[in-house]
Amino acid sequence: MSLAPWLRSALLPSVAGLLAIGIFIFDTFSPLQFAVAVLYVVVVLIAATRYQRRGVLIAASGCAALTVLSFLLVHGFKIAGTAPFRSIMSLAAICITTFLAFKNISTNERLRAAERQRANLARFKADVMPGWRPPNTSSRPTALA
């Protein structure tokens, strides 16, 4: 069973926000010693499916802030052991995911512009050559949406 598009678009930001809060709570209060904050990349990817650059940047900044806040709440300003390295690794993963999301958004924008230009040119070619029909573009694969 599929959700209605309006419900899915309203639900996605809520899921991303709840996931970020859940990761923060788990990262802050869990006795496990591993890079839980790397899971914030899922939040960034969810934001990349719904928003443009600004929304992705806001989500990534929020995730990075939650990573730093969790580190400060648990370890304070003490830089000892592997905790700082785990936090740096998590921040690097968030940054790399954000960069790749920006590249995907840019690629999709260029693809849409090329398709608009192609459709515009096809319209003029149909006027010049009677009987010519533009190719079907609906079956062409696209980059991640």
N, C-alpha and C. Protein backbone atom coordinates (compact mmCIF):
# COMPACT_ATOMS: atom_id res chain seq x y z
N MET A 1 0.84 -1.18 0.00
CA MET A 1 0.00 0.00 0.00
C MET A 1 0.88 1.24 0.00
N SER A 2 0.61 2.14 -0.90
CA SER A 2 1.42 3.34 -1.07
C SER A 2 0.73 4.52 -0.39
N LEU A 3 1.55 5.40 0.17
CA LEU A 3 1.01 6.61 0.78
C LEU A 3 0.71 7.64 -0.29
N ALA A 4 -0.26 8.50 -0.01
CA ALA A 4 -0.56 9.59 -0.93
C ALA A 4 0.65 10.52 -0.99
N PRO A 5 0.91 11.14 -2.16
CA PRO A 5 2.08 12.01 -2.28
C PRO A 5 2.11 13.16 -1.29
N TRP A 6 0.96 13.76 -1.00
CA TRP A 6 0.94 14.88 -0.05
C TRP A 6 1.27 14.39 1.36
N LEU A 7 0.82 13.18 1.71
CA LEU A 7 1.12 12.63 3.03
C LEU A 7 2.59 12.27 3.14
N ARG A 8 3.13 11.67 2.07
CA ARG A 8 4.54 11.30 2.06
C ARG A 8 5.42 12.54 2.17
N SER A 9 5.07 13.62 1.46
CA SER A 9 5.88 14.83 1.50
C SER A 9 5.78 15.53 2.86
N ALA A 10 4.67 15.36 3.55
CA ALA A 10 4.52 15.94 4.88
C ALA A 10 5.18 15.06 5.94
N LEU A 11 5.22 13.77 5.68
CA LEU A 11 5.74 12.81 6.66
C LEU A 11 7.27 12.75 6.64
N LEU A 12 7.87 12.95 5.49
CA LEU A 12 9.31 12.79 5.34
C LEU A 12 10.13 13.72 6.24
N PRO A 13 9.83 15.02 6.31
CA PRO A 13 10.60 15.88 7.22
C PRO A 13 10.43 15.48 8.69
N SER A 14 9.24 15.02 9.05
CA SER A 14 9.00 14.58 10.42
C SER A 14 9.82 13.35 10.75
N VAL A 15 9.87 12.41 9.81
CA VAL A 15 10.66 11.20 10.02
C VAL A 15 12.13 11.55 10.16
N ALA A 16 12.62 12.46 9.32
CA ALA A 16 14.03 12.87 9.39
C ALA A 16 14.33 13.54 10.74
N GLY A 17 13.43 14.40 11.20
CA GLY A 17 13.63 15.07 12.48
C GLY A 17 13.61 14.09 13.65
N LEU A 18 12.65 13.17 13.64
CA LEU A 18 12.58 12.17 14.71
C LEU A 18 13.80 11.24 14.68
N LEU A 19 14.25 10.91 13.51
CA LEU A 19 15.44 10.08 13.38
C LEU A 19 16.68 10.80 13.93
N ALA A 20 16.80 12.08 13.63
CA ALA A 20 17.93 12.85 14.15
C ALA A 20 17.89 12.92 15.68
N ILE A 21 16.71 13.13 16.23
CA ILE A 21 16.58 13.17 17.70
C ILE A 21 16.90 11.80 18.30
N GLY A 22 16.43 10.74 17.66
CA GLY A 22 16.73 9.39 18.14
C GLY A 22 18.22 9.07 18.10
N ILE A 23 18.88 9.47 17.02
CA ILE A 23 20.33 9.25 16.93
C ILE A 23 21.06 10.05 17.99
N PHE A 24 20.62 11.28 18.22
CA PHE A 24 21.25 12.12 19.25
C PHE A 24 21.11 11.47 20.64
N ILE A 25 19.91 11.02 20.96
CA ILE A 25 19.69 10.39 22.27
C ILE A 25 20.53 9.12 22.40
N PHE A 26 20.54 8.30 21.36
CA PHE A 26 21.33 7.07 21.41
C PHE A 26 22.82 7.38 21.52
N ASP A 27 23.28 8.37 20.77
CA ASP A 27 24.69 8.73 20.79
C ASP A 27 25.09 9.31 22.15
N THR A 28 24.21 10.06 22.76
CA THR A 28 24.54 10.72 24.03
C THR A 28 24.46 9.77 25.22
N PHE A 29 23.46 8.91 25.25
CA PHE A 29 23.23 8.10 26.45
C PHE A 29 23.63 6.64 26.32
N SER A 30 24.10 6.22 25.17
CA SER A 30 24.48 4.83 24.98
C SER A 30 25.89 4.58 25.54
N PRO A 31 26.08 3.47 26.22
CA PRO A 31 27.42 3.16 26.72
C PRO A 31 28.33 2.57 25.63
N LEU A 32 27.78 2.32 24.45
CA LEU A 32 28.58 1.76 23.37
C LEU A 32 29.61 2.77 22.88
N GLN A 33 30.76 2.30 22.54
CA GLN A 33 31.85 3.17 22.12
C GLN A 33 32.11 3.01 20.62
N PHE A 34 31.21 3.50 19.80
CA PHE A 34 31.44 3.52 18.36
C PHE A 34 30.80 4.77 17.77
N ALA A 35 31.08 5.04 16.52
CA ALA A 35 30.65 6.29 15.88
C ALA A 35 29.17 6.23 15.49
N VAL A 36 28.32 6.38 16.47
CA VAL A 36 26.87 6.36 16.24
C VAL A 36 26.46 7.54 15.37
N ALA A 37 27.16 8.66 15.52
CA ALA A 37 26.78 9.88 14.80
C ALA A 37 26.93 9.74 13.29
N VAL A 38 27.60 8.71 12.81
CA VAL A 38 27.69 8.48 11.37
C VAL A 38 26.29 8.22 10.80
N LEU A 39 25.37 7.77 11.64
CA LEU A 39 24.01 7.51 11.19
C LEU A 39 23.27 8.78 10.77
N TYR A 40 23.81 9.94 11.13
CA TYR A 40 23.20 11.20 10.69
C TYR A 40 23.21 11.33 9.17
N VAL A 41 24.05 10.58 8.48
CA VAL A 41 24.05 10.66 7.01
C VAL A 41 22.70 10.23 6.45
N VAL A 42 21.98 9.38 7.15
CA VAL A 42 20.64 8.97 6.70
C VAL A 42 19.70 10.18 6.73
N VAL A 43 19.83 11.01 7.73
CA VAL A 43 19.01 12.22 7.84
C VAL A 43 19.33 13.17 6.68
N VAL A 44 20.61 13.32 6.37
CA VAL A 44 21.01 14.18 5.26
C VAL A 44 20.47 13.63 3.94
N LEU A 45 20.53 12.33 3.76
CA LEU A 45 20.01 11.72 2.53
C LEU A 45 18.50 11.88 2.42
N ILE A 46 17.79 11.77 3.53
CA ILE A 46 16.35 12.01 3.51
C ILE A 46 16.06 13.45 3.11
N ALA A 47 16.83 14.39 3.67
CA ALA A 47 16.66 15.80 3.31
C ALA A 47 16.97 16.03 1.83
N ALA A 48 17.93 15.30 1.29
CA ALA A 48 18.31 15.48 -0.11
C ALA A 48 17.21 15.01 -1.06
N THR A 49 16.36 14.09 -0.61
CA THR A 49 15.26 13.63 -1.47
C THR A 49 14.11 14.62 -1.49
N ARG A 50 14.04 15.49 -0.52
CA ARG A 50 12.90 16.39 -0.38
C ARG A 50 13.23 17.85 -0.68
N TYR A 51 14.44 18.29 -0.33
CA TYR A 51 14.79 19.70 -0.39
C TYR A 51 15.89 19.97 -1.40
N GLN A 52 16.07 21.25 -1.68
CA GLN A 52 17.18 21.69 -2.53
C GLN A 52 18.39 21.97 -1.63
N ARG A 53 19.35 22.70 -2.14
CA ARG A 53 20.62 22.91 -1.42
C ARG A 53 20.44 23.50 -0.02
N ARG A 54 19.59 24.50 0.08
CA ARG A 54 19.43 25.17 1.37
C ARG A 54 18.90 24.21 2.44
N GLY A 55 17.90 23.42 2.11
CA GLY A 55 17.33 22.46 3.06
C GLY A 55 18.33 21.39 3.45
N VAL A 56 19.11 20.92 2.47
CA VAL A 56 20.14 19.92 2.77
C VAL A 56 21.21 20.52 3.68
N LEU A 57 21.60 21.76 3.40
CA LEU A 57 22.61 22.42 4.23
C LEU A 57 22.10 22.64 5.66
N ILE A 58 20.84 22.98 5.81
CA ILE A 58 20.26 23.15 7.15
C ILE A 58 20.25 21.82 7.89
N ALA A 59 19.83 20.76 7.21
CA ALA A 59 19.81 19.43 7.84
C ALA A 59 21.22 18.99 8.23
N ALA A 60 22.18 19.17 7.33
CA ALA A 60 23.57 18.77 7.62
C ALA A 60 24.15 19.58 8.76
N SER A 61 23.87 20.87 8.79
CA SER A 61 24.36 21.72 9.88
C SER A 61 23.75 21.30 11.22
N GLY A 62 22.47 20.98 11.19
CA GLY A 62 21.82 20.52 12.41
C GLY A 62 22.41 19.21 12.91
N CYS A 63 22.68 18.29 11.98
CA CYS A 63 23.28 17.01 12.35
C CYS A 63 24.69 17.20 12.90
N ALA A 64 25.46 18.08 12.27
CA ALA A 64 26.81 18.35 12.76
C ALA A 64 26.75 18.99 14.15
N ALA A 65 25.80 19.91 14.35
CA ALA A 65 25.65 20.54 15.66
C ALA A 65 25.26 19.52 16.73
N LEU A 66 24.37 18.59 16.38
CA LEU A 66 23.99 17.55 17.33
C LEU A 66 25.16 16.62 17.65
N THR A 67 26.02 16.36 16.67
CA THR A 67 27.21 15.54 16.90
C THR A 67 28.14 16.22 17.89
N VAL A 68 28.39 17.50 17.67
CA VAL A 68 29.29 18.25 18.57
C VAL A 68 28.66 18.39 19.95
N LEU A 69 27.36 18.66 20.00
CA LEU A 69 26.68 18.79 21.30
C LEU A 69 26.74 17.49 22.08
N SER A 70 26.51 16.38 21.42
CA SER A 70 26.59 15.09 22.10
C SER A 70 28.00 14.83 22.63
N PHE A 71 29.00 15.15 21.83
CA PHE A 71 30.38 14.97 22.29
C PHE A 71 30.66 15.82 23.52
N LEU A 72 30.22 17.09 23.49
CA LEU A 72 30.47 17.98 24.62
C LEU A 72 29.69 17.54 25.87
N LEU A 73 28.49 17.05 25.71
CA LEU A 73 27.71 16.60 26.86
C LEU A 73 28.33 15.36 27.51
N VAL A 74 28.87 14.47 26.70
CA VAL A 74 29.41 13.22 27.22
C VAL A 74 30.85 13.38 27.69
N HIS A 75 31.68 14.07 26.89
CA HIS A 75 33.11 14.12 27.17
C HIS A 75 33.62 15.49 27.62
N GLY A 76 32.80 16.50 27.51
CA GLY A 76 33.25 17.84 27.85
C GLY A 76 34.31 18.31 26.86
N PHE A 77 35.22 19.14 27.34
CA PHE A 77 36.29 19.64 26.48
C PHE A 77 37.53 18.76 26.58
N LYS A 78 37.39 17.60 27.19
CA LYS A 78 38.50 16.67 27.35
C LYS A 78 38.75 15.95 26.02
N ILE A 79 39.97 16.07 25.52
CA ILE A 79 40.33 15.41 24.26
C ILE A 79 41.27 14.27 24.60
N ALA A 80 40.67 13.14 24.94
CA ALA A 80 41.46 11.96 25.30
C ALA A 80 40.75 10.72 24.77
N GLY A 81 41.50 9.72 24.44
CA GLY A 81 40.92 8.47 23.95
C GLY A 81 40.51 8.56 22.49
N THR A 82 39.58 7.70 22.12
CA THR A 82 39.16 7.64 20.73
C THR A 82 37.91 8.45 20.43
N ALA A 83 37.28 9.01 21.44
CA ALA A 83 36.03 9.76 21.24
C ALA A 83 36.19 10.93 20.27
N PRO A 84 37.26 11.74 20.37
CA PRO A 84 37.39 12.84 19.40
C PRO A 84 37.54 12.33 17.96
N PHE A 85 38.23 11.23 17.78
CA PHE A 85 38.40 10.68 16.44
C PHE A 85 37.09 10.16 15.88
N ARG A 86 36.27 9.55 16.74
CA ARG A 86 34.96 9.08 16.29
C ARG A 86 34.07 10.26 15.89
N SER A 87 34.14 11.33 16.65
CA SER A 87 33.35 12.52 16.32
C SER A 87 33.83 13.16 15.02
N ILE A 88 35.13 13.23 14.84
CA ILE A 88 35.67 13.79 13.60
C ILE A 88 35.27 12.92 12.41
N MET A 89 35.31 11.61 12.58
CA MET A 89 34.90 10.71 11.51
C MET A 89 33.41 10.91 11.18
N SER A 90 32.61 11.10 12.19
CA SER A 90 31.18 11.33 11.96
C SER A 90 30.95 12.65 11.24
N LEU A 91 31.66 13.69 11.66
CA LEU A 91 31.53 14.99 11.00
C LEU A 91 32.00 14.91 9.55
N ALA A 92 33.07 14.17 9.31
CA ALA A 92 33.56 14.00 7.93
C ALA A 92 32.52 13.25 7.09
N ALA A 93 31.88 12.24 7.65
CA ALA A 93 30.85 11.50 6.91
C ALA A 93 29.67 12.40 6.58
N ILE A 94 29.27 13.25 7.51
CA ILE A 94 28.18 14.19 7.26
C ILE A 94 28.57 15.17 6.15
N CYS A 95 29.80 15.69 6.19
CA CYS A 95 30.27 16.63 5.17
C CYS A 95 30.35 15.97 3.79
N ILE A 96 30.88 14.77 3.73
CA ILE A 96 31.00 14.07 2.44
C ILE A 96 29.62 13.76 1.87
N THR A 97 28.70 13.33 2.71
CA THR A 97 27.34 13.04 2.25
C THR A 97 26.66 14.31 1.75
N THR A 98 26.87 15.43 2.44
CA THR A 98 26.30 16.70 2.01
C THR A 98 26.86 17.11 0.66
N PHE A 99 28.18 16.97 0.49
CA PHE A 99 28.81 17.30 -0.78
C PHE A 99 28.23 16.45 -1.91
N LEU A 100 28.09 15.16 -1.68
CA LEU A 100 27.54 14.27 -2.71
C LEU A 100 26.07 14.58 -3.00
N ALA A 101 25.33 14.96 -1.97
CA ALA A 101 23.93 15.36 -2.19
C ALA A 101 23.86 16.62 -3.05
N PHE A 102 24.77 17.58 -2.80
CA PHE A 102 24.83 18.79 -3.63
C PHE A 102 25.15 18.44 -5.09
N LYS A 103 26.08 17.51 -5.28
CA LYS A 103 26.43 17.09 -6.64
C LYS A 103 25.22 16.45 -7.33
N ASN A 104 24.47 15.65 -6.59
CA ASN A 104 23.28 15.01 -7.15
C ASN A 104 22.22 16.05 -7.51
N ILE A 105 22.01 17.02 -6.65
CA ILE A 105 21.04 18.08 -6.92
C ILE A 105 21.46 18.86 -8.17
N SER A 106 22.74 19.19 -8.26
CA SER A 106 23.25 19.92 -9.41
C SER A 106 23.08 19.12 -10.70
N THR A 107 23.37 17.83 -10.65
CA THR A 107 23.21 16.97 -11.82
C THR A 107 21.75 16.89 -12.26
N ASN A 108 20.84 16.76 -11.31
CA ASN A 108 19.41 16.73 -11.64
C ASN A 108 18.95 18.04 -12.25
N GLU A 109 19.47 19.18 -11.75
CA GLU A 109 19.10 20.47 -12.32
C GLU A 109 19.59 20.59 -13.76
N ARG A 110 20.82 20.16 -14.02
CA ARG A 110 21.35 20.20 -15.39
C ARG A 110 20.56 19.27 -16.31
N LEU A 111 20.17 18.11 -15.80
CA LEU A 111 19.38 17.16 -16.59
C LEU A 111 18.02 17.75 -16.95
N ARG A 112 17.36 18.38 -15.98
CA ARG A 112 16.06 19.01 -16.27
C ARG A 112 16.20 20.14 -17.28
N ALA A 113 17.28 20.93 -17.17
CA ALA A 113 17.50 22.02 -18.13
C ALA A 113 17.74 21.47 -19.53
N ALA A 114 18.51 20.40 -19.63
CA ALA A 114 18.78 19.79 -20.94
C ALA A 114 17.50 19.21 -21.53
N GLU A 115 16.66 18.61 -20.70
CA GLU A 115 15.40 18.06 -21.20
C GLU A 115 14.46 19.17 -21.66
N ARG A 116 14.43 20.29 -20.94
CA ARG A 116 13.61 21.43 -21.38
C ARG A 116 14.11 21.97 -22.71
N GLN A 117 15.43 22.08 -22.83
CA GLN A 117 16.01 22.58 -24.06
C GLN A 117 15.73 21.61 -25.22
N ARG A 118 15.84 20.34 -24.96
CA ARG A 118 15.58 19.32 -25.99
C ARG A 118 14.11 19.36 -26.42
N ALA A 119 13.21 19.49 -25.47
CA ALA A 119 11.79 19.57 -25.81
C ALA A 119 11.49 20.82 -26.62
N ASN A 120 12.14 21.92 -26.27
CA ASN A 120 11.95 23.17 -27.01
C ASN A 120 12.46 23.03 -28.44
N LEU A 121 13.64 22.44 -28.60
CA LEU A 121 14.18 22.22 -29.94
C LEU A 121 13.32 21.24 -30.73
N ALA A 122 12.79 20.22 -30.08
CA ALA A 122 11.95 19.25 -30.76
C ALA A 122 10.66 19.90 -31.26
N ARG A 123 10.17 20.85 -30.53
CA ARG A 123 8.96 21.55 -30.95
C ARG A 123 9.20 22.32 -32.24
N PHE A 124 10.38 22.96 -32.34
CA PHE A 124 10.70 23.70 -33.56
C PHE A 124 10.99 22.75 -34.71
N LYS A 125 11.62 21.63 -34.45
CA LYS A 125 11.93 20.67 -35.51
C LYS A 125 10.64 20.07 -36.06
N ALA A 126 9.64 19.87 -35.21
CA ALA A 126 8.36 19.32 -35.66
C ALA A 126 7.67 20.29 -36.61
N ASP A 127 7.88 21.61 -36.41
CA ASP A 127 7.29 22.61 -37.31
C ASP A 127 7.98 22.60 -38.67
N VAL A 128 9.28 22.36 -38.69
CA VAL A 128 10.06 22.39 -39.93
C VAL A 128 9.86 21.11 -40.72
N MET A 129 9.81 19.97 -40.05
CA MET A 129 9.70 18.67 -40.71
C MET A 129 8.34 18.05 -40.39
N PRO A 130 7.36 18.21 -41.27
CA PRO A 130 6.04 17.61 -41.00
C PRO A 130 6.14 16.09 -40.90
N GLY A 131 5.40 15.54 -39.98
CA GLY A 131 5.41 14.10 -39.78
C GLY A 131 6.44 13.63 -38.76
N TRP A 132 7.39 14.49 -38.42
CA TRP A 132 8.40 14.11 -37.42
C TRP A 132 7.81 14.25 -36.03
N ARG A 133 8.03 13.25 -35.19
CA ARG A 133 7.51 13.29 -33.82
C ARG A 133 8.68 13.24 -32.85
N PRO A 134 8.65 14.03 -31.80
CA PRO A 134 9.74 13.96 -30.81
C PRO A 134 9.74 12.61 -30.11
N PRO A 135 10.94 12.12 -29.75
CA PRO A 135 11.00 10.81 -29.06
C PRO A 135 10.38 10.89 -27.67
N ASN A 136 9.94 9.73 -27.20
CA ASN A 136 9.34 9.62 -25.87
C ASN A 136 10.46 9.73 -24.84
N THR A 137 10.39 10.73 -23.96
CA THR A 137 11.43 10.92 -22.95
C THR A 137 11.03 10.35 -21.60
N SER A 138 9.80 9.81 -21.49
CA SER A 138 9.36 9.33 -20.17
C SER A 138 10.04 8.05 -19.76
N SER A 139 10.59 7.27 -20.69
CA SER A 139 11.21 6.00 -20.33
C SER A 139 12.71 6.14 -20.08
N ARG A 140 13.26 7.34 -20.23
CA ARG A 140 14.69 7.54 -20.02
C ARG A 140 15.01 7.52 -18.54
N PRO A 141 16.10 6.85 -18.16
CA PRO A 141 16.49 6.85 -16.75
C PRO A 141 17.01 8.23 -16.34
N THR A 142 16.76 8.58 -15.11
CA THR A 142 17.25 9.86 -14.59
C THR A 142 18.13 9.60 -13.38
N ALA A 143 18.83 10.65 -12.97
CA ALA A 143 19.64 10.55 -11.76
C ALA A 143 18.71 10.44 -10.55
N LEU A 144 19.28 10.19 -9.37
CA LEU A 144 18.46 10.07 -8.16
C LEU A 144 17.64 11.31 -7.97
N ALA A 145 16.37 11.15 -7.67
CA ALA A 145 15.48 12.30 -7.49
C ALA A 145 15.50 12.77 -6.08
